[in-house]
Amino acid sequence: MYGTKPSIERFFLLLDIFAKLSGLKVNYEKTEALWIGSFKNRTDKPAIKQNIKWTFRKVKSLGVWFSTSVEEAAMLNYQGKKKEKISKILNCWQVRRLTLLGKITVTKSLAASQLVYIMSPSPSSQSYLKEIRQILYNFLWDGRGDKIKRSVMLNEYKDGGLKMLDIQSSNCALKAKWVQKYLDDSNQAKWKLFFDYFIKEHNGKLLLTGNLNQADVAGLNIQDTFTKEVIEIWSSLNYAQNLTDIGNTPIWYNSLIRIANQPIFGHARELIRPKTF
């Protein structure tokens, strides 16, 4: 929540009016709020009649931590109790003499499932995901070191693998799903408005239907951390290094078509070259 005192009072007035009209009343005693934007470092509590808990820099909603600091949010969601919970789950199964297939089943169904809810709507931390991956493999090999290469363990059964979970690939799949839903015109979900806001200066769908590689996404200078990660992951999956159909090849946002060694950011009426850093 942000703004001046009058704007805050008007906000709560709107909530009260909505409650009278709809019968859906906000439970202020269970409501938490925090300053965001340019007010994120404020520690004071507004003088309002509603009995709301005013937090500093972070708030938890539906099991997910939100913070004005991206690093703190990642630490709270991945490094904190979630990591401890995964370790406790695996420790409970460690003494049961499971086969490798049994341990992989436990890993997928009980341990990794704890992270799906976190990875899908929030920015991820690669360092924390690596730590969690190490915990999963320690459970698989009883902490005695890998006996089979991890790249082999990820393979299908027919290729000599055991279909072990790759937590980082799962994160990429969850993030890429957002783009698939965004590009689906039959999906009229309201969350698309937020995605539109963060990529509107990059022509929206034109950006996502281009052919950018992951390295060139940095030139877009996208401010929102989650949106930037989603586009980076989508670019790594969508990028085609070889031109097979020249007639249907996009000109804009294409890493294979460059001016002064930079892709063309923009559209037919206005060419926008990326900033150099």
C-alpha atoms as a PDB file:
ATOM      1  CA  MET A   1       0.000   0.000   0.000  1.00  0.00           C
ATOM      2  CA  TYR A   2       1.303   3.445  -0.791  1.00  0.00           C
ATOM      3  CA  GLY A   3       0.299   7.080  -1.053  1.00  0.00           C
ATOM      4  CA  THR A   4      -0.606   9.933   1.238  1.00  0.00           C
ATOM      5  CA  LYS A   5      -2.849   9.682   4.262  1.00  0.00           C
ATOM      6  CA  PRO A   6      -5.984  10.905   2.451  1.00  0.00           C
ATOM      7  CA  SER A   7      -5.481   8.330  -0.320  1.00  0.00           C
ATOM      8  CA  ILE A   8      -5.134   5.560   2.283  1.00  0.00           C
ATOM      9  CA  GLU A   9      -8.324   6.672   3.992  1.00  0.00           C
ATOM     10  CA  ARG A  10     -10.144   6.712   0.662  1.00  0.00           C
ATOM     11  CA  PHE A  11      -8.923   3.182  -0.011  1.00  0.00           C
ATOM     12  CA  PHE A  12     -10.432   1.863   3.203  1.00  0.00           C
ATOM     13  CA  LEU A  13     -13.586   3.870   2.563  1.00  0.00           C
ATOM     14  CA  LEU A  14     -13.964   2.058  -0.744  1.00  0.00           C
ATOM     15  CA  LEU A  15     -13.552  -1.282   1.025  1.00  0.00           C
ATOM     16  CA  ASP A  16     -16.281  -0.353   3.520  1.00  0.00           C
ATOM     17  CA  ILE A  17     -18.637   0.741   0.729  1.00  0.00           C
ATOM     18  CA  PHE A  18     -17.936  -2.502  -1.124  1.00  0.00           C
ATOM     19  CA  ALA A  19     -18.741  -4.470   2.059  1.00  0.00           C
ATOM     20  CA  LYS A  20     -22.104  -2.733   2.454  1.00  0.00           C
ATOM     21  CA  LEU A  21     -23.063  -3.378  -1.174  1.00  0.00           C
ATOM     22  CA  SER A  22     -21.810  -6.949  -1.492  1.00  0.00           C
ATOM     23  CA  GLY A  23     -21.978  -8.289   2.051  1.00  0.00           C
ATOM     24  CA  LEU A  24     -18.300  -9.322   1.811  1.00  0.00           C
ATOM     25  CA  LYS A  25     -16.556  -7.650   4.719  1.00  0.00           C
ATOM     26  CA  VAL A  26     -12.795  -7.390   5.139  1.00  0.00           C
ATOM     27  CA  ASN A  27     -11.535  -8.918   8.384  1.00  0.00           C
ATOM     28  CA  TYR A  28      -9.194  -6.114   9.373  1.00  0.00           C
ATOM     29  CA  GLU A  29      -7.870  -7.970  12.424  1.00  0.00           C
ATOM     30  CA  LYS A  30      -6.378 -10.611  10.138  1.00  0.00           C
ATOM     31  CA  THR A  31      -5.242  -8.131   7.487  1.00  0.00           C
ATOM     32  CA  GLU A  32      -1.589  -7.163   7.033  1.00  0.00           C
ATOM     33  CA  ALA A  33      -0.231  -4.222   5.053  1.00  0.00           C
ATOM     34  CA  LEU A  34       3.163  -2.746   4.209  1.00  0.00           C
ATOM     35  CA  TRP A  35       4.645   0.270   2.501  1.00  0.00           C
ATOM     36  CA  ILE A  36       5.845  -0.271  -1.072  1.00  0.00           C
ATOM     37  CA  GLY A  37       7.389   1.793  -3.862  1.00  0.00           C
ATOM     38  CA  SER A  38       9.080   5.004  -2.750  1.00  0.00           C
ATOM     39  CA  PHE A  39       7.634   4.502   0.755  1.00  0.00           C
ATOM     40  CA  LYS A  40       9.117   1.026   1.272  1.00  0.00           C
ATOM     41  CA  ASN A  41      11.580   2.134   3.977  1.00  0.00           C
ATOM     42  CA  ARG A  42       8.955   3.816   6.129  1.00  0.00           C
ATOM     43  CA  THR A  43       8.383   2.220   9.523  1.00  0.00           C
ATOM     44  CA  ASP A  44       5.510   4.358  10.779  1.00  0.00           C
ATOM     45  CA  LYS A  45       1.921   3.174  10.976  1.00  0.00           C
ATOM     46  CA  PRO A  46      -0.772   5.419   9.464  1.00  0.00           C
ATOM     47  CA  ALA A  47      -3.301   6.837  11.887  1.00  0.00           C
ATOM     48  CA  ILE A  48      -6.359   4.938  10.675  1.00  0.00           C
ATOM     49  CA  LYS A  49      -9.287   3.550  12.604  1.00  0.00           C
ATOM     50  CA  GLN A  50      -8.988   0.064  11.111  1.00  0.00           C
ATOM     51  CA  ASN A  51      -7.089  -2.376  13.313  1.00  0.00           C
ATOM     52  CA  ILE A  52      -4.568  -3.596  10.749  1.00  0.00           C
ATOM     53  CA  LYS A  53      -1.187  -5.162  11.410  1.00  0.00           C
ATOM     54  CA  TRP A  54       1.396  -2.991   9.681  1.00  0.00           C
ATOM     55  CA  THR A  55       4.520  -4.951   8.698  1.00  0.00           C
ATOM     56  CA  PHE A  56       7.937  -3.782   7.526  1.00  0.00           C
ATOM     57  CA  ARG A  57       9.317  -4.819   4.114  1.00  0.00           C
ATOM     58  CA  LYS A  58       7.670  -8.241   3.996  1.00  0.00           C
ATOM     59  CA  VAL A  59       4.270  -9.902   4.218  1.00  0.00           C
ATOM     60  CA  LYS A  60       3.058 -13.480   3.798  1.00  0.00           C
ATOM     61  CA  SER A  61      -0.027 -14.331   1.768  1.00  0.00           C
ATOM     62  CA  LEU A  62      -1.354 -17.807   0.914  1.00  0.00           C
ATOM     63  CA  GLY A  63       1.944 -19.404   1.899  1.00  0.00           C
ATOM     64  CA  VAL A  64       4.138 -17.116  -0.219  1.00  0.00           C
ATOM     65  CA  TRP A  65       6.378 -14.360   1.135  1.00  0.00           C
ATOM     66  CA  PHE A  66       6.290 -11.001  -0.621  1.00  0.00           C
ATOM     67  CA  SER A  67       8.943  -8.410   0.083  1.00  0.00           C
ATOM     68  CA  THR A  68      10.093  -5.023  -1.188  1.00  0.00           C
ATOM     69  CA  SER A  69      13.509  -6.700  -1.509  1.00  0.00           C
ATOM     70  CA  VAL A  70      13.774  -9.372  -4.213  1.00  0.00           C
ATOM     71  CA  GLU A  71      16.721 -11.004  -2.420  1.00  0.00           C
ATOM     72  CA  GLU A  72      14.844 -11.180   0.875  1.00  0.00           C
ATOM     73  CA  ALA A  73      11.756 -12.673  -0.785  1.00  0.00           C
ATOM     74  CA  ALA A  74      13.897 -15.390  -2.402  1.00  0.00           C
ATOM     75  CA  MET A  75      15.584 -16.172   0.906  1.00  0.00           C
ATOM     76  CA  LEU A  76      12.284 -16.398   2.783  1.00  0.00           C
ATOM     77  CA  ASN A  77      10.584 -18.552   0.161  1.00  0.00           C
ATOM     78  CA  TYR A  78      13.436 -20.934  -0.627  1.00  0.00           C
ATOM     79  CA  GLN A  79      16.118 -20.792   2.019  1.00  0.00           C
ATOM     80  CA  GLY A  80      13.997 -20.572   5.163  1.00  0.00           C
ATOM     81  CA  LYS A  81      11.397 -22.990   6.503  1.00  0.00           C
ATOM     82  CA  LYS A  82      10.697 -24.444   3.061  1.00  0.00           C
ATOM     83  CA  LYS A  83      14.208 -25.853   2.806  1.00  0.00           C
ATOM     84  CA  GLU A  84      13.975 -27.205   6.358  1.00  0.00           C
ATOM     85  CA  LYS A  85      10.624 -28.841   5.596  1.00  0.00           C
ATOM     86  CA  ILE A  86      12.027 -30.603   2.540  1.00  0.00           C
ATOM     87  CA  SER A  87      14.982 -31.878   4.572  1.00  0.00           C
ATOM     88  CA  LYS A  88      12.670 -33.182   7.312  1.00  0.00           C
ATOM     89  CA  ILE A  89      10.470 -34.991   4.785  1.00  0.00           C
ATOM     90  CA  LEU A  90      13.460 -36.719   3.203  1.00  0.00           C
ATOM     91  CA  ASN A  91      14.994 -37.595   6.575  1.00  0.00           C
ATOM     92  CA  CYS A  92      11.789 -39.403   7.538  1.00  0.00           C
ATOM     93  CA  TRP A  93      12.115 -41.633   4.478  1.00  0.00           C
ATOM     94  CA  GLN A  94      15.891 -42.052   4.657  1.00  0.00           C
ATOM     95  CA  VAL A  95      15.717 -44.999   7.095  1.00  0.00           C
ATOM     96  CA  ARG A  96      13.175 -47.034   5.097  1.00  0.00           C
ATOM     97  CA  ARG A  97      15.636 -48.752   2.752  1.00  0.00           C
ATOM     98  CA  LEU A  98      13.921 -47.589  -0.414  1.00  0.00           C
ATOM     99  CA  THR A  99      15.103 -48.506  -3.889  1.00  0.00           C
ATOM    100  CA  LEU A 100      16.322 -45.760  -6.213  1.00  0.00           C
ATOM    101  CA  LEU A 101      12.930 -45.723  -7.937  1.00  0.00           C
ATOM    102  CA  GLY A 102      11.225 -45.454  -4.561  1.00  0.00           C
ATOM    103  CA  LYS A 103      13.426 -42.537  -3.534  1.00  0.00           C
ATOM    104  CA  ILE A 104      12.768 -40.742  -6.820  1.00  0.00           C
ATOM    105  CA  THR A 105       9.030 -41.169  -6.269  1.00  0.00           C
ATOM    106  CA  VAL A 106       9.343 -39.663  -2.788  1.00  0.00           C
ATOM    107  CA  THR A 107      11.436 -36.828  -4.214  1.00  0.00           C
ATOM    108  CA  LYS A 108       8.838 -35.965  -6.852  1.00  0.00           C
ATOM    109  CA  SER A 109       5.648 -36.447  -4.870  1.00  0.00           C
ATOM    110  CA  LEU A 110       6.570 -35.223  -1.384  1.00  0.00           C
ATOM    111  CA  ALA A 111       9.693 -33.065  -1.561  1.00  0.00           C
ATOM    112  CA  ALA A 112       9.670 -31.179  -4.876  1.00  0.00           C
ATOM    113  CA  SER A 113       5.934 -30.594  -4.654  1.00  0.00           C
ATOM    114  CA  GLN A 114       6.685 -28.229  -1.764  1.00  0.00           C
ATOM    115  CA  LEU A 115       8.364 -25.863  -4.230  1.00  0.00           C
ATOM    116  CA  VAL A 116       5.904 -25.852  -7.138  1.00  0.00           C
ATOM    117  CA  TYR A 117       3.605 -23.408  -5.384  1.00  0.00           C
ATOM    118  CA  ILE A 118       6.557 -21.072  -4.769  1.00  0.00           C
ATOM    119  CA  MET A 119       8.352 -21.343  -8.111  1.00  0.00           C
ATOM    120  CA  SER A 120       5.329 -20.688 -10.306  1.00  0.00           C
ATOM    121  CA  PRO A 121       4.326 -17.153  -9.162  1.00  0.00           C
ATOM    122  CA  SER A 122       7.573 -15.718  -7.809  1.00  0.00           C
ATOM    123  CA  PRO A 123      11.168 -15.022  -8.927  1.00  0.00           C
ATOM    124  CA  SER A 124      13.484 -17.935  -8.286  1.00  0.00           C
ATOM    125  CA  SER A 125      16.987 -18.036  -6.891  1.00  0.00           C
ATOM    126  CA  GLN A 126      19.391 -20.239  -8.823  1.00  0.00           C
ATOM    127  CA  SER A 127      21.739 -20.552  -5.865  1.00  0.00           C
ATOM    128  CA  TYR A 128      18.933 -21.796  -3.604  1.00  0.00           C
ATOM    129  CA  LEU A 129      17.664 -24.172  -6.269  1.00  0.00           C
ATOM    130  CA  LYS A 130      21.165 -25.644  -6.512  1.00  0.00           C
ATOM    131  CA  GLU A 131      21.183 -26.167  -2.738  1.00  0.00           C
ATOM    132  CA  ILE A 132      17.838 -27.924  -2.882  1.00  0.00           C
ATOM    133  CA  ARG A 133      19.017 -30.071  -5.803  1.00  0.00           C
ATOM    134  CA  GLN A 134      21.995 -31.131  -3.690  1.00  0.00           C
ATOM    135  CA  ILE A 135      19.648 -32.079  -0.838  1.00  0.00           C
ATOM    136  CA  LEU A 136      17.632 -34.256  -3.229  1.00  0.00           C
ATOM    137  CA  TYR A 137      20.717 -36.060  -4.515  1.00  0.00           C
ATOM    138  CA  ASN A 138      22.093 -36.533  -0.995  1.00  0.00           C
ATOM    139  CA  PHE A 139      18.846 -38.312  -0.180  1.00  0.00           C
ATOM    140  CA  LEU A 140      19.099 -40.389  -3.355  1.00  0.00           C
ATOM    141  CA  TRP A 141      22.631 -41.629  -2.584  1.00  0.00           C
ATOM    142  CA  ASP A 142      22.485 -41.558   1.230  1.00  0.00           C
ATOM    143  CA  GLY A 143      24.951 -38.677   1.347  1.00  0.00           C
ATOM    144  CA  ARG A 144      27.776 -40.795  -0.097  1.00  0.00           C
ATOM    145  CA  GLY A 145      28.249 -38.974  -3.372  1.00  0.00           C
ATOM    146  CA  ASP A 146      26.741 -39.619  -6.792  1.00  0.00           C
ATOM    147  CA  LYS A 147      27.308 -43.121  -8.168  1.00  0.00           C
ATOM    148  CA  ILE A 148      25.761 -42.337 -11.558  1.00  0.00           C
ATOM    149  CA  LYS A 149      26.115 -39.097 -13.498  1.00  0.00           C
ATOM    150  CA  ARG A 150      23.200 -36.758 -12.923  1.00  0.00           C
ATOM    151  CA  SER A 151      22.737 -36.199 -16.639  1.00  0.00           C
ATOM    152  CA  VAL A 152      22.217 -39.969 -16.998  1.00  0.00           C
ATOM    153  CA  MET A 153      19.792 -40.155 -14.067  1.00  0.00           C
ATOM    154  CA  LEU A 154      17.550 -37.590 -15.776  1.00  0.00           C
ATOM    155  CA  ASN A 155      17.156 -39.723 -18.907  1.00  0.00           C
ATOM    156  CA  GLU A 156      14.146 -41.835 -19.816  1.00  0.00           C
ATOM    157  CA  TYR A 157      14.180 -45.524 -18.869  1.00  0.00           C
ATOM    158  CA  LYS A 158      14.809 -46.517 -22.487  1.00  0.00           C
ATOM    159  CA  ASP A 159      17.935 -44.338 -22.486  1.00  0.00           C
ATOM    160  CA  GLY A 160      19.353 -45.901 -19.337  1.00  0.00           C
ATOM    161  CA  GLY A 161      18.058 -43.273 -16.895  1.00  0.00           C
ATOM    162  CA  LEU A 162      15.578 -43.289 -14.026  1.00  0.00           C
ATOM    163  CA  LYS A 163      13.653 -40.080 -14.851  1.00  0.00           C
ATOM    164  CA  MET A 164      15.072 -38.268 -11.844  1.00  0.00           C
ATOM    165  CA  LEU A 165      13.607 -34.830 -11.210  1.00  0.00           C
ATOM    166  CA  ASP A 166      15.578 -31.779 -12.346  1.00  0.00           C
ATOM    167  CA  ILE A 167      14.366 -28.973 -10.086  1.00  0.00           C
ATOM    168  CA  GLN A 168      15.791 -26.247 -12.327  1.00  0.00           C
ATOM    169  CA  SER A 169      14.078 -27.654 -15.422  1.00  0.00           C
ATOM    170  CA  SER A 170      10.837 -27.775 -13.440  1.00  0.00           C
ATOM    171  CA  ASN A 171      11.264 -24.091 -12.631  1.00  0.00           C
ATOM    172  CA  CYS A 172      11.770 -23.311 -16.331  1.00  0.00           C
ATOM    173  CA  ALA A 173       8.656 -25.268 -17.276  1.00  0.00           C
ATOM    174  CA  LEU A 174       6.520 -23.448 -14.727  1.00  0.00           C
ATOM    175  CA  LYS A 175       7.759 -20.043 -15.887  1.00  0.00           C
ATOM    176  CA  ALA A 176       7.340 -20.882 -19.591  1.00  0.00           C
ATOM    177  CA  LYS A 177       3.736 -21.855 -18.904  1.00  0.00           C
ATOM    178  CA  TRP A 178       2.974 -18.209 -18.113  1.00  0.00           C
ATOM    179  CA  VAL A 179       3.994 -17.208 -21.652  1.00  0.00           C
ATOM    180  CA  GLN A 180       1.930 -19.978 -23.227  1.00  0.00           C
ATOM    181  CA  LYS A 181      -1.145 -18.771 -21.356  1.00  0.00           C
ATOM    182  CA  TYR A 182      -0.382 -15.145 -22.191  1.00  0.00           C
ATOM    183  CA  LEU A 183      -0.165 -15.898 -25.917  1.00  0.00           C
ATOM    184  CA  ASP A 184      -3.437 -17.835 -25.794  1.00  0.00           C
ATOM    185  CA  ASP A 185      -6.060 -15.344 -27.026  1.00  0.00           C
ATOM    186  CA  SER A 186      -8.875 -17.482 -25.649  1.00  0.00           C
ATOM    187  CA  ASN A 187      -7.489 -16.949 -22.144  1.00  0.00           C
ATOM    188  CA  GLN A 188      -9.061 -13.720 -20.853  1.00  0.00           C
ATOM    189  CA  ALA A 189      -7.537 -13.841 -17.347  1.00  0.00           C
ATOM    190  CA  LYS A 190      -7.077 -10.480 -15.602  1.00  0.00           C
ATOM    191  CA  TRP A 191      -3.449 -11.199 -14.656  1.00  0.00           C
ATOM    192  CA  LYS A 192      -2.537 -10.496 -18.287  1.00  0.00           C
ATOM    193  CA  LEU A 193      -3.001  -6.793 -17.552  1.00  0.00           C
ATOM    194  CA  PHE A 194       0.030  -6.864 -15.258  1.00  0.00           C
ATOM    195  CA  PHE A 195       2.122  -8.670 -17.856  1.00  0.00           C
ATOM    196  CA  ASP A 196       0.999  -6.122 -20.448  1.00  0.00           C
ATOM    197  CA  TYR A 197       2.165  -3.308 -18.182  1.00  0.00           C
ATOM    198  CA  PHE A 198       5.720  -4.605 -17.837  1.00  0.00           C
ATOM    199  CA  ILE A 199       6.281  -5.391 -21.526  1.00  0.00           C
ATOM    200  CA  LYS A 200       4.108  -2.730 -23.178  1.00  0.00           C
ATOM    201  CA  GLU A 201       7.143  -0.638 -24.193  1.00  0.00           C
ATOM    202  CA  HIS A 202       8.483  -3.737 -25.942  1.00  0.00           C
ATOM    203  CA  ASN A 203       5.345  -4.264 -28.042  1.00  0.00           C
ATOM    204  CA  GLY A 204       3.848  -7.054 -25.963  1.00  0.00           C
ATOM    205  CA  LYS A 205       3.309 -10.211 -28.002  1.00  0.00           C
ATOM    206  CA  LEU A 206       5.742  -9.027 -30.668  1.00  0.00           C
ATOM    207  CA  LEU A 207       8.523  -9.484 -28.122  1.00  0.00           C
ATOM    208  CA  LEU A 208       7.438 -13.002 -27.169  1.00  0.00           C
ATOM    209  CA  THR A 209       6.883 -14.185 -30.737  1.00  0.00           C
ATOM    210  CA  GLY A 210      10.321 -13.005 -31.861  1.00  0.00           C
ATOM    211  CA  ASN A 211      13.549 -14.966 -31.814  1.00  0.00           C
ATOM    212  CA  LEU A 212      15.698 -13.455 -29.073  1.00  0.00           C
ATOM    213  CA  ASN A 213      18.340 -15.506 -27.369  1.00  0.00           C
ATOM    214  CA  GLN A 214      18.708 -15.306 -23.609  1.00  0.00           C
ATOM    215  CA  ALA A 215      21.810 -13.104 -23.715  1.00  0.00           C
ATOM    216  CA  ASP A 216      20.010 -10.332 -25.628  1.00  0.00           C
ATOM    217  CA  VAL A 217      17.114 -10.126 -23.139  1.00  0.00           C
ATOM    218  CA  ALA A 218      19.345  -8.026 -20.866  1.00  0.00           C
ATOM    219  CA  GLY A 219      19.204  -5.229 -23.448  1.00  0.00           C
ATOM    220  CA  LEU A 220      15.457  -4.880 -22.918  1.00  0.00           C
ATOM    221  CA  ASN A 221      16.060  -3.410 -19.452  1.00  0.00           C
ATOM    222  CA  ILE A 222      12.917  -4.950 -17.940  1.00  0.00           C
ATOM    223  CA  GLN A 223      12.515  -3.712 -14.387  1.00  0.00           C
ATOM    224  CA  ASP A 224      10.231  -6.387 -12.914  1.00  0.00           C
ATOM    225  CA  THR A 225      12.351  -9.338 -11.746  1.00  0.00           C
ATOM    226  CA  PHE A 226       9.704 -12.001 -12.283  1.00  0.00           C
ATOM    227  CA  THR A 227       8.796 -10.815 -15.795  1.00  0.00           C
ATOM    228  CA  LYS A 228      12.467 -10.629 -16.751  1.00  0.00           C
ATOM    229  CA  GLU A 229      13.082 -14.202 -15.578  1.00  0.00           C
ATOM    230  CA  VAL A 230      10.018 -15.464 -17.448  1.00  0.00           C
ATOM    231  CA  ILE A 231      11.195 -13.841 -20.698  1.00  0.00           C
ATOM    232  CA  GLU A 232      14.771 -15.095 -20.227  1.00  0.00           C
ATOM    233  CA  ILE A 233      13.523 -18.651 -19.765  1.00  0.00           C
ATOM    234  CA  TRP A 234      11.125 -18.345 -22.701  1.00  0.00           C
ATOM    235  CA  SER A 235      13.948 -17.041 -24.909  1.00  0.00           C
ATOM    236  CA  SER A 236      16.209 -19.941 -23.962  1.00  0.00           C
ATOM    237  CA  LEU A 237      13.472 -22.392 -24.991  1.00  0.00           C
ATOM    238  CA  ASN A 238      12.078 -20.539 -28.008  1.00  0.00           C
ATOM    239  CA  TYR A 239      15.284 -19.366 -29.683  1.00  0.00           C
ATOM    240  CA  ALA A 240      16.046 -20.996 -33.036  1.00  0.00           C
ATOM    241  CA  GLN A 241      19.713 -20.655 -33.949  1.00  0.00           C
ATOM    242  CA  ASN A 242      19.267 -21.616 -37.599  1.00  0.00           C
ATOM    243  CA  LEU A 243      16.943 -19.905 -40.083  1.00  0.00           C
ATOM    244  CA  THR A 244      14.850 -22.543 -41.846  1.00  0.00           C
ATOM    245  CA  ASP A 245      11.968 -20.424 -43.168  1.00  0.00           C
ATOM    246  CA  ILE A 246      13.129 -16.961 -44.250  1.00  0.00           C
ATOM    247  CA  GLY A 247       9.647 -15.840 -45.253  1.00  0.00           C
ATOM    248  CA  ASN A 248       8.207 -16.367 -41.766  1.00  0.00           C
ATOM    249  CA  THR A 249      11.243 -15.151 -39.847  1.00  0.00           C
ATOM    250  CA  PRO A 250      10.504 -12.136 -37.586  1.00  0.00           C
ATOM    251  CA  ILE A 251      12.628  -9.033 -38.115  1.00  0.00           C
ATOM    252  CA  TRP A 252      11.991  -7.439 -34.736  1.00  0.00           C
ATOM    253  CA  TYR A 253      13.392  -8.994 -31.566  1.00  0.00           C
ATOM    254  CA  ASN A 254      15.436 -11.483 -33.540  1.00  0.00           C
ATOM    255  CA  SER A 255      18.987 -12.188 -32.409  1.00  0.00           C
ATOM    256  CA  LEU A 256      19.888 -13.457 -35.887  1.00  0.00           C
ATOM    257  CA  ILE A 257      19.049 -10.109 -37.533  1.00  0.00           C
ATOM    258  CA  ARG A 258      21.244  -7.351 -36.117  1.00  0.00           C
ATOM    259  CA  ILE A 259      22.227  -3.732 -36.702  1.00  0.00           C
ATOM    260  CA  ALA A 260      25.548  -2.643 -35.194  1.00  0.00           C
ATOM    261  CA  ASN A 261      25.692  -6.093 -33.592  1.00  0.00           C
ATOM    262  CA  GLN A 262      22.396  -5.501 -31.763  1.00  0.00           C
ATOM    263  CA  PRO A 263      18.916  -6.977 -32.421  1.00  0.00           C
ATOM    264  CA  ILE A 264      16.236  -4.562 -33.601  1.00  0.00           C
ATOM    265  CA  PHE A 265      13.921  -3.708 -30.728  1.00  0.00           C
ATOM    266  CA  GLY A 266      10.720  -2.113 -31.980  1.00  0.00           C
ATOM    267  CA  HIS A 267       8.255  -2.335 -34.852  1.00  0.00           C
ATOM    268  CA  ALA A 268       7.903  -1.176 -38.438  1.00  0.00           C
ATOM    269  CA  ARG A 269       7.104   2.443 -37.584  1.00  0.00           C
ATOM    270  CA  GLU A 270       9.695   3.008 -34.912  1.00  0.00           C
ATOM    271  CA  LEU A 271      13.029   1.257 -34.570  1.00  0.00           C
ATOM    272  CA  ILE A 272      14.380   1.138 -31.050  1.00  0.00           C
ATOM    273  CA  ARG A 273      17.888   0.012 -30.472  1.00  0.00           C
ATOM    274  CA  PRO A 274      18.844  -1.328 -27.029  1.00  0.00           C
ATOM    275  CA  LYS A 275      20.901   0.757 -24.677  1.00  0.00           C
ATOM    276  CA  THR A 276      24.539  -0.168 -24.412  1.00  0.00           C
ATOM    277  CA  PHE A 277      25.978  -0.726 -20.984  1.00  0.00           C
END
